[in-house]
């Protein structure tokens, strides 16, 4: 349970940092960043609804409630799966 909560919290807290580090910011796409490279793949004309447009929207306006919930759920699920895998490996090691 603790791993699920930690995973959910980590996903929500890390998302804005990761977006900014990738170059999706409040002022637009940062030059010479992963975001600018992704944008260049479209030849500068990024279609509405594409992953680049969605990430830029999240970077510029922040992550909305629905996305925050999805991130928390995904992170919590990943944390729970990881905890279960560690628990199963420990049981196997002990021969149970």
PDB file of N, CA and C in Angstrom:
ATOM      1  N   UNK A   1       0.823  -1.195   0.000  1.00  0.00           N
ATOM      2  CA  UNK A   1       0.000   0.000   0.000  1.00  0.00           C
ATOM      3  C   UNK A   1       0.862   1.252   0.000  1.00  0.00           C
ATOM      4  N   UNK A   2       1.915   1.259   0.794  1.00  0.00           N
ATOM      5  CA  UNK A   2       2.788   2.425   0.875  1.00  0.00           C
ATOM      6  C   UNK A   2       3.449   2.683  -0.477  1.00  0.00           C
ATOM      7  N   UNK A   3       3.857   1.613  -1.164  1.00  0.00           N
ATOM      8  CA  UNK A   3       4.493   1.763  -2.478  1.00  0.00           C
ATOM      9  C   UNK A   3       3.518   2.351  -3.493  1.00  0.00           C
ATOM     10  N   UNK A   4       2.256   1.970  -3.422  1.00  0.00           N
ATOM     11  CA  UNK A   4       1.257   2.509  -4.337  1.00  0.00           C
ATOM     12  C   UNK A   4       1.058   3.998  -4.102  1.00  0.00           C
ATOM     13  N   UNK A   5       0.957   4.401  -2.857  1.00  0.00           N
ATOM     14  CA  UNK A   5       0.792   5.819  -2.522  1.00  0.00           C
ATOM     15  C   UNK A   5       2.028   6.604  -2.961  1.00  0.00           C
ATOM     16  N   UNK A   6       3.199   6.059  -2.682  1.00  0.00           N
ATOM     17  CA  UNK A   6       4.444   6.727  -3.073  1.00  0.00           C
ATOM     18  C   UNK A   6       4.546   6.838  -4.587  1.00  0.00           C
ATOM     19  N   UNK A   7       4.175   5.798  -5.294  1.00  0.00           N
ATOM     20  CA  UNK A   7       4.212   5.832  -6.754  1.00  0.00           C
ATOM     21  C   UNK A   7       3.269   6.872  -7.327  1.00  0.00           C
ATOM     22  N   UNK A   8       2.071   6.954  -6.774  1.00  0.00           N
ATOM     23  CA  UNK A   8       1.104   7.959  -7.222  1.00  0.00           C
ATOM     24  C   UNK A   8       1.591   9.368  -6.968  1.00  0.00           C
ATOM     25  N   UNK A   9       2.118   9.595  -5.779  1.00  0.00           N
ATOM     26  CA  UNK A   9       2.626  10.922  -5.438  1.00  0.00           C
ATOM     27  C   UNK A   9       3.823  11.292  -6.306  1.00  0.00           C
ATOM     28  N   UNK A  10       4.704  10.340  -6.530  1.00  0.00           N
ATOM     29  CA  UNK A  10       5.899  10.609  -7.343  1.00  0.00           C
ATOM     30  C   UNK A  10       5.513  10.982  -8.771  1.00  0.00           C
ATOM     31  N   UNK A  11       4.548  10.280  -9.330  1.00  0.00           N
ATOM     32  CA  UNK A  11       4.125  10.577 -10.705  1.00  0.00           C
ATOM     33  C   UNK A  11       3.548  11.983 -10.816  1.00  0.00           C
ATOM     34  N   UNK A  12       2.717  12.362  -9.857  1.00  0.00           N
ATOM     35  CA  UNK A  12       2.103  13.692  -9.875  1.00  0.00           C
ATOM     36  C   UNK A  12       3.152  14.778  -9.674  1.00  0.00           C
ATOM     37  N   UNK A  13       4.079  14.557  -8.750  1.00  0.00           N
ATOM     38  CA  UNK A  13       5.100  15.563  -8.473  1.00  0.00           C
ATOM     39  C   UNK A  13       6.149  15.656  -9.580  1.00  0.00           C
ATOM     40  N   UNK A  14       6.457  14.543 -10.215  1.00  0.00           N
ATOM     41  CA  UNK A  14       7.506  14.533 -11.236  1.00  0.00           C
ATOM     42  C   UNK A  14       7.044  15.091 -12.575  1.00  0.00           C
ATOM     43  N   UNK A  15       5.775  14.997 -12.880  1.00  0.00           N
ATOM     44  CA  UNK A  15       5.288  15.391 -14.204  1.00  0.00           C
ATOM     45  C   UNK A  15       5.667  16.823 -14.590  1.00  0.00           C
ATOM     46  N   UNK A  16       5.421  17.830 -13.755  1.00  0.00           N
ATOM     47  CA  UNK A  16       5.806  19.189 -14.152  1.00  0.00           C
ATOM     48  C   UNK A  16       7.314  19.352 -14.332  1.00  0.00           C
ATOM     49  N   UNK A  17       8.078  18.678 -13.502  1.00  0.00           N
ATOM     50  CA  UNK A  17       9.541  18.758 -13.603  1.00  0.00           C
ATOM     51  C   UNK A  17      10.009  18.131 -14.911  1.00  0.00           C
ATOM     52  N   UNK A  18       9.460  16.986 -15.245  1.00  0.00           N
ATOM     53  CA  UNK A  18       9.841  16.293 -16.476  1.00  0.00           C
ATOM     54  C   UNK A  18       9.436  17.111 -17.703  1.00  0.00           C
ATOM     55  N   UNK A  19       8.246  17.687 -17.678  1.00  0.00           N
ATOM     56  CA  UNK A  19       7.801  18.519 -18.801  1.00  0.00           C
ATOM     57  C   UNK A  19       8.747  19.698 -19.015  1.00  0.00           C
ATOM     58  N   UNK A  20       9.092  20.383 -17.939  1.00  0.00           N
ATOM     59  CA  UNK A  20       9.997  21.531 -18.038  1.00  0.00           C
ATOM     60  C   UNK A  20      11.378  21.104 -18.511  1.00  0.00           C
ATOM     61  N   UNK A  21      11.889  20.011 -17.969  1.00  0.00           N
ATOM     62  CA  UNK A  21      13.209  19.521 -18.374  1.00  0.00           C
ATOM     63  C   UNK A  21      13.232  19.138 -19.852  1.00  0.00           C
ATOM     64  N   UNK A  22      12.112  18.654 -20.366  1.00  0.00           N
ATOM     65  CA  UNK A  22      12.032  18.272 -21.774  1.00  0.00           C
ATOM     66  C   UNK A  22      11.864  19.486 -22.683  1.00  0.00           C
ATOM     67  N   UNK A  23      11.563  20.650 -22.100  1.00  0.00           N
ATOM     68  CA  UNK A  23      11.445  21.871 -22.891  1.00  0.00           C
ATOM     69  C   UNK A  23      10.033  22.350 -23.132  1.00  0.00           C
ATOM     70  N   UNK A  24       9.057  21.748 -22.465  1.00  0.00           N
ATOM     71  CA  UNK A  24       7.666  22.197 -22.569  1.00  0.00           C
ATOM     72  C   UNK A  24       7.392  23.120 -21.394  1.00  0.00           C
ATOM     73  N   UNK A  25       7.423  24.437 -21.624  1.00  0.00           N
ATOM     74  CA  UNK A  25       7.285  25.367 -20.514  1.00  0.00           C
ATOM     75  C   UNK A  25       6.183  26.379 -20.712  1.00  0.00           C
ATOM     76  N   UNK A  26       6.015  27.228 -19.712  1.00  0.00           N
ATOM     77  CA  UNK A  26       4.974  28.254 -19.729  1.00  0.00           C
ATOM     78  C   UNK A  26       5.175  29.246 -20.866  1.00  0.00           C
ATOM     79  N   UNK A  27       6.415  29.477 -21.257  1.00  0.00           N
ATOM     80  CA  UNK A  27       6.706  30.414 -22.338  1.00  0.00           C
ATOM     81  C   UNK A  27       6.759  29.782 -23.711  1.00  0.00           C
ATOM     82  N   UNK A  28       6.414  28.531 -23.815  1.00  0.00           N
ATOM     83  CA  UNK A  28       6.473  27.829 -25.088  1.00  0.00           C
ATOM     84  C   UNK A  28       7.581  26.785 -25.091  1.00  0.00           C
ATOM     85  N   UNK A  29       7.907  26.310 -26.256  1.00  0.00           N
ATOM     86  CA  UNK A  29       8.930  25.280 -26.414  1.00  0.00           C
ATOM     87  C   UNK A  29      10.313  25.926 -26.303  1.00  0.00           C
ATOM     88  N   UNK A  30      11.181  25.322 -25.506  1.00  0.00           N
ATOM     89  CA  UNK A  30      12.542  25.811 -25.307  1.00  0.00           C
ATOM     90  C   UNK A  30      13.421  25.392 -26.486  1.00  0.00           C
ATOM     91  N   UNK A  31      14.227  26.333 -26.972  1.00  0.00           N
ATOM     92  CA  UNK A  31      15.132  26.044 -28.088  1.00  0.00           C
ATOM     93  C   UNK A  31      16.130  24.953 -27.698  1.00  0.00           C
ATOM     94  N   UNK A  32      16.512  24.147 -28.659  1.00  0.00           N
ATOM     95  CA  UNK A  32      17.500  23.070 -28.488  1.00  0.00           C
ATOM     96  C   UNK A  32      17.120  22.066 -27.395  1.00  0.00           C
ATOM     97  N   UNK A  33      15.858  21.778 -27.287  1.00  0.00           N
ATOM     98  CA  UNK A  33      15.370  20.834 -26.276  1.00  0.00           C
ATOM     99  C   UNK A  33      14.739  19.630 -26.958  1.00  0.00           C
ATOM    100  N   UNK A  34      14.394  18.646 -26.154  1.00  0.00           N
ATOM    101  CA  UNK A  34      13.658  17.489 -26.669  1.00  0.00           C
ATOM    102  C   UNK A  34      12.349  17.956 -27.289  1.00  0.00           C
ATOM    103  N   UNK A  35      11.702  18.918 -26.650  1.00  0.00           N
ATOM    104  CA  UNK A  35      10.434  19.448 -27.167  1.00  0.00           C
ATOM    105  C   UNK A  35      10.615  20.070 -28.549  1.00  0.00           C
ATOM    106  N   UNK A  36      11.700  20.844 -28.740  1.00  0.00           N
ATOM    107  CA  UNK A  36      11.922  21.466 -30.052  1.00  0.00           C
ATOM    108  C   UNK A  36      12.243  20.402 -31.111  1.00  0.00           C
ATOM    109  N   UNK A  37      12.960  19.350 -30.710  1.00  0.00           N
ATOM    110  CA  UNK A  37      13.225  18.251 -31.636  1.00  0.00           C
ATOM    111  C   UNK A  37      11.918  17.572 -32.041  1.00  0.00           C
ATOM    112  N   UNK A  38      11.060  17.305 -31.058  1.00  0.00           N
ATOM    113  CA  UNK A  38       9.771  16.672 -31.357  1.00  0.00           C
ATOM    114  C   UNK A  38       8.944  17.553 -32.296  1.00  0.00           C
ATOM    115  N   UNK A  39       8.974  18.850 -32.040  1.00  0.00           N
ATOM    116  CA  UNK A  39       8.232  19.788 -32.871  1.00  0.00           C
ATOM    117  C   UNK A  39       8.774  19.790 -34.303  1.00  0.00           C
ATOM    118  N   UNK A  40      10.090  19.665 -34.434  1.00  0.00           N
ATOM    119  CA  UNK A  40      10.702  19.673 -35.765  1.00  0.00           C
ATOM    120  C   UNK A  40      10.276  18.462 -36.592  1.00  0.00           C
ATOM    121  N   UNK A  41       9.915  17.390 -35.933  1.00  0.00           N
ATOM    122  CA  UNK A  41       9.454  16.199 -36.654  1.00  0.00           C
ATOM    123  C   UNK A  41       8.179  16.469 -37.442  1.00  0.00           C
ATOM    124  N   UNK A  42       7.418  17.471 -36.997  1.00  0.00           N
ATOM    125  CA  UNK A  42       6.193  17.865 -37.694  1.00  0.00           C
ATOM    126  C   UNK A  42       6.451  18.969 -38.711  1.00  0.00           C
ATOM    127  N   UNK A  43       7.701  19.389 -38.866  1.00  0.00           N
ATOM    128  CA  UNK A  43       8.011  20.461 -39.801  1.00  0.00           C
ATOM    129  C   UNK A  43       7.516  21.818 -39.321  1.00  0.00           C
ATOM    130  N   UNK A  44       7.316  21.940 -38.017  1.00  0.00           N
ATOM    131  CA  UNK A  44       6.875  23.207 -37.447  1.00  0.00           C
ATOM    132  C   UNK A  44       5.368  23.362 -37.364  1.00  0.00           C
ATOM    133  N   UNK A  45       4.611  22.552 -38.052  1.00  0.00           N
ATOM    134  CA  UNK A  45       3.148  22.632 -38.029  1.00  0.00           C
ATOM    135  C   UNK A  45       2.611  21.482 -37.183  1.00  0.00           C
ATOM    136  N   UNK A  46       2.520  21.701 -35.906  1.00  0.00           N
ATOM    137  CA  UNK A  46       2.085  20.654 -34.977  1.00  0.00           C
ATOM    138  C   UNK A  46       0.562  20.553 -34.996  1.00  0.00           C
ATOM    139  N   UNK A  47       0.021  19.385 -35.325  1.00  0.00           N
ATOM    140  CA  UNK A  47      -1.433  19.243 -35.364  1.00  0.00           C
ATOM    141  C   UNK A  47      -2.068  19.270 -33.964  1.00  0.00           C
ATOM    142  N   UNK A  48      -3.229  19.870 -33.886  1.00  0.00           N
ATOM    143  CA  UNK A  48      -3.979  19.893 -32.626  1.00  0.00           C
ATOM    144  C   UNK A  48      -4.271  18.465 -32.199  1.00  0.00           C
ATOM    145  N   UNK A  49      -4.113  18.202 -30.907  1.00  0.00           N
ATOM    146  CA  UNK A  49      -4.399  16.883 -30.366  1.00  0.00           C
ATOM    147  C   UNK A  49      -3.228  15.911 -30.439  1.00  0.00           C
ATOM    148  N   UNK A  50      -2.139  16.311 -31.089  1.00  0.00           N
ATOM    149  CA  UNK A  50      -0.968  15.433 -31.156  1.00  0.00           C
ATOM    150  C   UNK A  50      -0.290  15.386 -29.789  1.00  0.00           C
ATOM    151  N   UNK A  51       0.632  14.454 -29.618  1.00  0.00           N
ATOM    152  CA  UNK A  51       1.328  14.325 -28.338  1.00  0.00           C
ATOM    153  C   UNK A  51       2.125  15.593 -28.031  1.00  0.00           C
ATOM    154  N   UNK A  52       2.735  16.200 -29.051  1.00  0.00           N
ATOM    155  CA  UNK A  52       3.497  17.430 -28.833  1.00  0.00           C
ATOM    156  C   UNK A  52       2.566  18.553 -28.379  1.00  0.00           C
ATOM    157  N   UNK A  53       1.422  18.691 -29.026  1.00  0.00           N
ATOM    158  CA  UNK A  53       0.462  19.723 -28.634  1.00  0.00           C
ATOM    159  C   UNK A  53      -0.050  19.492 -27.214  1.00  0.00           C
ATOM    160  N   UNK A  54      -0.318  18.256 -26.886  1.00  0.00           N
ATOM    161  CA  UNK A  54      -0.805  17.923 -25.541  1.00  0.00           C
ATOM    162  C   UNK A  54       0.239  18.216 -24.480  1.00  0.00           C
ATOM    163  N   UNK A  55       1.488  17.825 -24.749  1.00  0.00           N
ATOM    164  CA  UNK A  55       2.560  18.088 -23.788  1.00  0.00           C
ATOM    165  C   UNK A  55       2.818  19.580 -23.634  1.00  0.00           C
ATOM    166  N   UNK A  56       2.764  20.330 -24.746  1.00  0.00           N
ATOM    167  CA  UNK A  56       2.971  21.771 -24.659  1.00  0.00           C
ATOM    168  C   UNK A  56       1.848  22.433 -23.874  1.00  0.00           C
ATOM    169  N   UNK A  57       0.638  21.976 -24.082  1.00  0.00           N
ATOM    170  CA  UNK A  57      -0.491  22.508 -23.328  1.00  0.00           C
ATOM    171  C   UNK A  57      -0.308  22.262 -21.834  1.00  0.00           C
ATOM    172  N   UNK A  58       0.111  21.055 -21.491  1.00  0.00           N
ATOM    173  CA  UNK A  58       0.344  20.725 -20.078  1.00  0.00           C
ATOM    174  C   UNK A  58       1.503  21.537 -19.513  1.00  0.00           C
ATOM    175  N   UNK A  59       2.553  21.739 -20.314  1.00  0.00           N
ATOM    176  CA  UNK A  59       3.694  22.528 -19.855  1.00  0.00           C
ATOM    177  C   UNK A  59       3.351  23.990 -19.675  1.00  0.00           C
ATOM    178  N   UNK A  60       2.512  24.520 -20.557  1.00  0.00           N
ATOM    179  CA  UNK A  60       2.165  25.940 -20.514  1.00  0.00           C
ATOM    180  C   UNK A  60       1.099  26.252 -19.470  1.00  0.00           C
ATOM    181  N   UNK A  61       0.084  25.424 -19.406  1.00  0.00           N
ATOM    182  CA  UNK A  61      -1.058  25.725 -18.537  1.00  0.00           C
ATOM    183  C   UNK A  61      -1.078  24.901 -17.256  1.00  0.00           C
ATOM    184  N   UNK A  62      -0.193  23.933 -17.160  1.00  0.00           N
ATOM    185  CA  UNK A  62      -0.228  23.045 -16.006  1.00  0.00           C
ATOM    186  C   UNK A  62      -1.070  21.824 -16.313  1.00  0.00           C
ATOM    187  N   UNK A  63      -1.026  20.897 -15.429  1.00  0.00           N
ATOM    188  CA  UNK A  63      -1.738  19.643 -15.623  1.00  0.00           C
ATOM    189  C   UNK A  63      -3.080  19.732 -14.913  1.00  0.00           C
ATOM    190  N   UNK A  64      -4.147  19.464 -15.646  1.00  0.00           N
ATOM    191  CA  UNK A  64      -5.497  19.574 -15.097  1.00  0.00           C
ATOM    192  C   UNK A  64      -5.845  18.443 -14.140  1.00  0.00           C
ATOM    193  N   UNK A  65      -7.034  18.538 -13.589  1.00  0.00           N
ATOM    194  CA  UNK A  65      -7.486  17.545 -12.609  1.00  0.00           C
ATOM    195  C   UNK A  65      -7.554  16.136 -13.182  1.00  0.00           C
ATOM    196  N   UNK A  66      -8.063  16.013 -14.404  1.00  0.00           N
ATOM    197  CA  UNK A  66      -8.193  14.681 -15.005  1.00  0.00           C
ATOM    198  C   UNK A  66      -6.821  14.058 -15.226  1.00  0.00           C
ATOM    199  N   UNK A  67      -5.889  14.852 -15.748  1.00  0.00           N
ATOM    200  CA  UNK A  67      -4.541  14.330 -15.988  1.00  0.00           C
ATOM    201  C   UNK A  67      -3.840  14.010 -14.673  1.00  0.00           C
ATOM    202  N   UNK A  68      -4.053  14.838 -13.666  1.00  0.00           N
ATOM    203  CA  UNK A  68      -3.457  14.580 -12.354  1.00  0.00           C
ATOM    204  C   UNK A  68      -3.978  13.261 -11.794  1.00  0.00           C
ATOM    205  N   UNK A  69      -5.267  13.036 -11.933  1.00  0.00           N
ATOM    206  CA  UNK A  69      -5.852  11.775 -11.483  1.00  0.00           C
ATOM    207  C   UNK A  69      -5.298  10.588 -12.237  1.00  0.00           C
ATOM    208  N   UNK A  70      -5.141  10.748 -13.555  1.00  0.00           N
ATOM    209  CA  UNK A  70      -4.585   9.661 -14.364  1.00  0.00           C
ATOM    210  C   UNK A  70      -3.136   9.381 -13.985  1.00  0.00           C
ATOM    211  N   UNK A  71      -2.364  10.436 -13.759  1.00  0.00           N
ATOM    212  CA  UNK A  71      -0.968  10.253 -13.335  1.00  0.00           C
ATOM    213  C   UNK A  71      -0.903   9.551 -11.980  1.00  0.00           C
ATOM    214  N   UNK A  72      -1.733   9.991 -11.058  1.00  0.00           N
ATOM    215  CA  UNK A  72      -1.731   9.383  -9.726  1.00  0.00           C
ATOM    216  C   UNK A  72      -2.114   7.912  -9.803  1.00  0.00           C
ATOM    217  N   UNK A  73      -3.122   7.605 -10.597  1.00  0.00           N
ATOM    218  CA  UNK A  73      -3.560   6.219 -10.751  1.00  0.00           C
ATOM    219  C   UNK A  73      -2.472   5.361 -11.388  1.00  0.00           C
ATOM    220  N   UNK A  74      -1.853   5.890 -12.439  1.00  0.00           N
ATOM    221  CA  UNK A  74      -0.772   5.144 -13.114  1.00  0.00           C
ATOM    222  C   UNK A  74       0.406   4.918 -12.179  1.00  0.00           C
ATOM    223  N   UNK A  75       0.788   5.971 -11.457  1.00  0.00           N
ATOM    224  CA  UNK A  75       1.905   5.844 -10.525  1.00  0.00           C
ATOM    225  C   UNK A  75       1.598   4.881  -9.397  1.00  0.00           C
ATOM    226  N   UNK A  76       0.372   4.945  -8.891  1.00  0.00           N
ATOM    227  CA  UNK A  76      -0.026   4.044  -7.811  1.00  0.00           C
ATOM    228  C   UNK A  76      -0.038   2.598  -8.287  1.00  0.00           C
ATOM    229  N   UNK A  77      -0.524   2.387  -9.500  1.00  0.00           N
ATOM    230  CA  UNK A  77      -0.538   1.039 -10.059  1.00  0.00           C
ATOM    231  C   UNK A  77       0.884   0.508 -10.227  1.00  0.00           C
ATOM    232  N   UNK A  78       1.757   1.344 -10.768  1.00  0.00           N
ATOM    233  CA  UNK A  78       3.155   0.926 -10.943  1.00  0.00           C
ATOM    234  C   UNK A  78       3.806   0.615  -9.600  1.00  0.00           C
ATOM    235  N   UNK A  79       3.524   1.443  -8.589  1.00  0.00           N
ATOM    236  CA  UNK A  79       4.069   1.196  -7.252  1.00  0.00           C
ATOM    237  C   UNK A  79       3.567  -0.112  -6.660  1.00  0.00           C
ATOM    238  N   UNK A  80       2.278  -0.379  -6.834  1.00  0.00           N
ATOM    239  CA  UNK A  80       1.696  -1.609  -6.305  1.00  0.00           C
ATOM    240  C   UNK A  80       2.260  -2.839  -7.017  1.00  0.00           C
ATOM    241  N   UNK A  81       2.413  -2.756  -8.338  1.00  0.00           N
ATOM    242  CA  UNK A  81       2.964  -3.873  -9.111  1.00  0.00           C
ATOM    243  C   UNK A  81       4.412  -4.134  -8.693  1.00  0.00           C
ATOM    244  N   UNK A  82       5.176  -3.056  -8.531  1.00  0.00           N
ATOM    245  CA  UNK A  82       6.577  -3.211  -8.110  1.00  0.00           C
ATOM    246  C   UNK A  82       6.661  -3.842  -6.722  1.00  0.00           C
ATOM    247  N   UNK A  83       5.807  -3.398  -5.812  1.00  0.00           N
ATOM    248  CA  UNK A  83       5.812  -3.958  -4.460  1.00  0.00           C
ATOM    249  C   UNK A  83       5.459  -5.438  -4.482  1.00  0.00           C
ATOM    250  N   UNK A  84       4.490  -5.800  -5.309  1.00  0.00           N
ATOM    251  CA  UNK A  84       4.081  -7.201  -5.414  1.00  0.00           C
ATOM    252  C   UNK A  84       5.210  -8.056  -5.991  1.00  0.00           C
ATOM    253  N   UNK A  85       5.913  -7.516  -6.993  1.00  0.00           N
ATOM    254  CA  UNK A  85       7.022  -8.248  -7.594  1.00  0.00           C
ATOM    255  C   UNK A  85       8.140  -8.486  -6.583  1.00  0.00           C
ATOM    256  N   UNK A  86       8.430  -7.489  -5.778  1.00  0.00           N
ATOM    257  CA  UNK A  86       9.463  -7.629  -4.753  1.00  0.00           C
ATOM    258  C   UNK A  86       9.019  -8.649  -3.706  1.00  0.00           C
ATOM    259  N   UNK A  87       7.757  -8.582  -3.316  1.00  0.00           N
ATOM    260  CA  UNK A  87       7.211  -9.516  -2.329  1.00  0.00           C
ATOM    261  C   UNK A  87       7.266 -10.947  -2.848  1.00  0.00           C
ATOM    262  N   UNK A  88       6.877 -11.149  -4.113  1.00  0.00           N
ATOM    263  CA  UNK A  88       6.910 -12.491  -4.708  1.00  0.00           C
ATOM    264  C   UNK A  88       8.344 -13.024  -4.807  1.00  0.00           C
ATOM    265  N   UNK A  89       9.269 -12.156  -5.177  1.00  0.00           N
ATOM    266  CA  UNK A  89      10.663 -12.563  -5.283  1.00  0.00           C
ATOM    267  C   UNK A  89      11.211 -12.953  -3.904  1.00  0.00           C
ATOM    268  N   UNK A  90      10.818 -12.224  -2.886  1.00  0.00           N
ATOM    269  CA  UNK A  90      11.265 -12.533  -1.522  1.00  0.00           C
ATOM    270  C   UNK A  90      10.691 -13.864  -1.046  1.00  0.00           C
ATOM    271  N   UNK A  91       9.429 -14.126  -1.344  1.00  0.00           N
ATOM    272  CA  UNK A  91       8.816 -15.409  -0.987  1.00  0.00           C
ATOM    273  C   UNK A  91       9.512 -16.555  -1.708  1.00  0.00           C
ATOM    274  N   UNK A  92       9.812 -16.354  -2.971  1.00  0.00           N
ATOM    275  CA  UNK A  92      10.492 -17.392  -3.752  1.00  0.00           C
ATOM    276  C   UNK A  92      11.886 -17.660  -3.178  1.00  0.00           C
ATOM    277  N   UNK A  93      12.561 -16.597  -2.796  1.00  0.00           N
ATOM    278  CA  UNK A  93      13.902 -16.747  -2.209  1.00  0.00           C
ATOM    279  C   UNK A  93      13.852 -17.541  -0.922  1.00  0.00           C
ATOM    280  N   UNK A  94      12.797 -17.341  -0.141  1.00  0.00           N
ATOM    281  CA  UNK A  94      12.658 -18.054   1.126  1.00  0.00           C
ATOM    282  C   UNK A  94      12.108 -19.463   0.942  1.00  0.00           C
ATOM    283  N   UNK A  95      11.636 -19.769  -0.281  1.00  0.00           N
ATOM    284  CA  UNK A  95      11.121 -21.108  -0.550  1.00  0.00           C
ATOM    285  C   UNK A  95       9.678 -21.287  -0.138  1.00  0.00           C
ATOM    286  N   UNK A  96       8.914 -20.231  -0.103  1.00  0.00           N
ATOM    287  CA  UNK A  96       7.488 -20.319   0.289  1.00  0.00           C
ATOM    288  C   UNK A  96       6.598 -20.269  -0.910  1.00  0.00           C
TER     289      UNK A  96
END
